[in-house]
Amino acid sequence: MGMVASCVLALGLGAAMGWQARDLRMAGERPPMADAVAAYRLFADNTLPLEFDASHRTQLQGWLRTHFGPAGAAPDLQSQGFRLQGGRMLSTPEGAAAMLVYQDAEGARIGLYLRPRSDRFTQGERRDGRLLAQYWTEGNTAFALVGPATQARMRQLGPLLRAAG
């Protein structure tokens, strides 16, 4: 009976410690598309000028195609009420990244983030404070649509962009 009790105790203790180690490891990892949310906060959620404004769309498009191939197209979201304001070129440890900023007639802004694909995630969404990030992959490129979680059109745009890819 003592042997059974010690085995149960050892098994329970091992499981509890393993679960605790898992939680600690996950707490140290960055959530999916944390860089996209950070880029939105820096560039889309303020009034700083963008590196490429809308008048330089051809140059922006060329840069995107060079670094992301066919997936590097700045989508036209005018039919959904958003106009391209411009973009900012960024860098990740995996390679080039870009934040494209769109704005509607009321001044609400959303950002479309492109970066090299990572095996950590393929598709999903997450909230970060008042922001919602919807993310997916297409070929070797990962995308995130980031904007205010209260923006009703955010939920509609993500599936449209994924279907267009």
Protein backbone atom coordinates (compact mmCIF):
# COMPACT_ATOMS: atom_id res chain seq x y z
CA MET A 1 0.00 0.00 0.00
CA GLY A 2 2.90 2.35 0.85
CA MET A 3 4.49 1.64 -2.54
CA VAL A 4 1.27 2.51 -4.39
CA ALA A 5 0.87 5.73 -2.38
CA SER A 6 4.44 6.80 -3.12
CA CYS A 7 3.97 6.09 -6.86
CA VAL A 8 0.75 8.14 -6.93
CA LEU A 9 2.48 10.94 -5.04
CA ALA A 10 5.49 10.89 -7.39
CA LEU A 11 3.22 10.85 -10.46
CA GLY A 12 1.11 13.74 -9.14
CA LEU A 13 4.14 15.77 -8.16
CA GLY A 14 5.80 15.18 -11.54
CA ALA A 15 2.67 16.19 -13.43
CA ALA A 16 2.27 19.36 -11.37
CA MET A 17 5.91 20.35 -11.84
CA GLY A 18 5.73 19.61 -15.58
CA TRP A 19 2.65 21.78 -15.94
CA GLN A 20 4.36 24.58 -14.01
CA ALA A 21 7.45 24.37 -16.26
CA ARG A 22 5.21 24.52 -19.33
CA ASP A 23 3.51 27.69 -18.06
CA LEU A 24 6.88 29.32 -17.35
CA ARG A 25 8.20 28.45 -20.80
CA MET A 26 5.08 29.82 -22.51
CA ALA A 27 5.22 33.02 -20.44
CA GLY A 28 8.72 33.66 -21.80
CA GLU A 29 7.61 33.34 -25.44
CA ARG A 30 6.27 36.28 -27.39
CA PRO A 31 2.65 35.95 -28.49
CA PRO A 32 2.00 35.49 -32.21
CA MET A 33 2.50 38.64 -34.27
CA ALA A 34 3.68 40.75 -31.34
CA ASP A 35 5.87 42.59 -33.85
CA ALA A 36 2.79 43.44 -35.95
CA VAL A 37 1.00 44.94 -32.95
CA ALA A 38 4.13 46.90 -32.00
CA ALA A 39 4.48 48.21 -35.58
CA TYR A 40 0.82 49.29 -35.59
CA ARG A 41 1.32 51.19 -32.34
CA LEU A 42 4.40 52.94 -33.74
CA PHE A 43 3.19 53.85 -37.21
CA ALA A 44 -0.54 53.43 -37.73
CA ASP A 45 -1.71 54.67 -34.36
CA ASN A 46 -0.02 58.07 -34.58
CA THR A 47 0.54 60.96 -36.93
CA LEU A 48 4.21 60.44 -37.88
CA PRO A 49 4.78 60.57 -41.64
CA LEU A 50 5.15 57.21 -43.35
CA GLU A 51 8.26 56.26 -45.28
CA PHE A 52 6.25 55.69 -48.47
CA ASP A 53 3.12 57.82 -48.70
CA ALA A 54 0.23 56.97 -51.02
CA SER A 55 1.71 59.08 -53.84
CA HIS A 56 4.67 56.65 -53.96
CA ARG A 57 2.52 53.54 -54.31
CA THR A 58 4.54 52.29 -57.31
CA GLN A 59 7.81 52.41 -55.34
CA LEU A 60 6.12 50.79 -52.35
CA GLN A 61 4.70 48.05 -54.57
CA GLY A 62 8.13 47.43 -56.10
CA TRP A 63 9.76 47.09 -52.68
CA LEU A 64 7.04 44.71 -51.50
CA ARG A 65 7.33 42.51 -54.61
CA THR A 66 11.14 42.40 -54.27
CA HIS A 67 10.95 41.16 -50.69
CA PHE A 68 7.70 39.16 -50.68
CA GLY A 69 7.22 38.07 -54.30
CA PRO A 70 3.63 37.68 -55.54
CA ALA A 71 2.32 37.91 -51.96
CA GLY A 72 3.75 41.43 -51.70
CA ALA A 73 0.82 43.33 -53.13
CA ALA A 74 -0.66 46.33 -51.38
CA PRO A 75 -4.36 45.43 -51.52
CA ASP A 76 -6.88 48.01 -52.65
CA LEU A 77 -9.39 48.34 -49.81
CA GLN A 78 -11.31 51.34 -51.16
CA SER A 79 -14.43 49.24 -51.76
CA GLN A 80 -14.35 48.44 -48.01
CA GLY A 81 -13.94 52.15 -47.17
CA PHE A 82 -10.18 52.22 -46.48
CA ARG A 83 -7.62 54.17 -48.50
CA LEU A 84 -3.90 53.37 -48.47
CA GLN A 85 -2.02 56.09 -46.58
CA GLY A 86 1.39 54.55 -47.13
CA GLY A 87 3.83 52.11 -45.63
CA ARG A 88 6.89 51.69 -43.48
CA MET A 89 9.68 49.22 -44.15
CA LEU A 90 10.85 47.22 -41.15
CA SER A 91 13.17 44.37 -40.28
CA THR A 92 12.76 41.16 -38.28
CA PRO A 93 15.41 38.56 -37.40
CA GLU A 94 13.92 36.46 -40.23
CA GLY A 95 14.11 39.23 -42.87
CA ALA A 96 12.25 42.23 -44.27
CA ALA A 97 8.85 43.30 -42.96
CA ALA A 98 6.40 46.07 -43.83
CA MET A 99 3.46 47.87 -42.23
CA LEU A 100 0.88 49.23 -44.68
CA VAL A 101 -1.44 51.82 -43.16
CA TYR A 102 -5.01 52.35 -44.33
CA GLN A 103 -7.51 54.96 -43.16
CA ASP A 104 -11.28 55.35 -43.56
CA ALA A 105 -13.26 58.58 -44.05
CA GLU A 106 -13.73 58.98 -40.28
CA GLY A 107 -9.97 58.76 -39.65
CA ALA A 108 -9.91 55.20 -38.25
CA ARG A 109 -6.70 53.42 -39.16
CA ILE A 110 -5.84 49.77 -39.71
CA GLY A 111 -2.50 48.22 -40.53
CA LEU A 112 -1.59 45.29 -42.75
CA TYR A 113 1.72 43.77 -41.65
CA LEU A 114 3.84 41.50 -43.85
CA ARG A 115 6.83 39.49 -42.66
CA PRO A 116 8.59 36.19 -43.44
CA ARG A 117 6.58 33.14 -42.46
CA SER A 118 7.31 31.48 -39.13
CA ASP A 119 6.42 27.93 -38.16
CA ARG A 120 5.09 29.19 -34.80
CA PHE A 121 1.70 30.06 -36.24
CA THR A 122 -0.32 29.82 -39.41
CA GLN A 123 -3.74 31.38 -38.78
CA GLY A 124 -5.59 32.89 -35.84
CA GLU A 125 -6.29 36.06 -33.98
CA ARG A 126 -5.49 37.61 -30.65
CA ARG A 127 -6.27 40.72 -28.65
CA ASP A 128 -3.60 42.95 -27.20
CA GLY A 129 -5.24 45.59 -25.04
CA ARG A 130 -7.59 47.52 -27.30
CA LEU A 131 -6.10 46.06 -30.49
CA LEU A 132 -7.11 43.01 -32.49
CA ALA A 133 -4.57 41.17 -34.66
CA GLN A 134 -5.86 38.66 -37.22
CA TYR A 135 -3.01 36.69 -38.77
CA TRP A 136 -2.52 34.13 -41.52
CA THR A 137 0.14 32.86 -43.91
CA GLU A 138 0.36 32.68 -47.65
CA GLY A 139 3.34 30.90 -49.15
CA ASN A 140 6.47 32.17 -47.40
CA THR A 141 4.77 35.33 -46.11
CA ALA A 142 2.90 35.90 -42.86
CA PHE A 143 0.28 38.63 -42.65
CA ALA A 144 -1.46 40.39 -39.78
CA LEU A 145 -4.36 42.80 -39.99
CA VAL A 146 -4.17 45.01 -36.90
CA GLY A 147 -6.56 47.66 -35.67
CA PRO A 148 -8.91 48.66 -32.90
CA ALA A 149 -10.81 45.64 -31.57
CA THR A 150 -13.96 47.79 -31.58
CA GLN A 151 -13.65 48.41 -35.33
CA ALA A 152 -16.56 46.33 -36.68
CA ARG A 153 -15.07 46.12 -40.18
CA MET A 154 -11.90 44.45 -38.86
CA ARG A 155 -13.76 41.14 -38.60
CA GLN A 156 -14.95 41.50 -42.21
CA LEU A 157 -11.62 42.55 -43.73
CA GLY A 158 -9.50 39.65 -42.48
CA PRO A 159 -11.45 36.93 -44.34
CA LEU A 160 -11.61 39.12 -47.47
CA LEU A 161 -7.85 39.57 -47.50
CA ARG A 162 -7.23 35.85 -46.91
CA ALA A 163 -9.60 34.92 -49.75
CA ALA A 164 -7.91 37.40 -52.12
CA GLY A 165 -4.48 35.83 -51.46
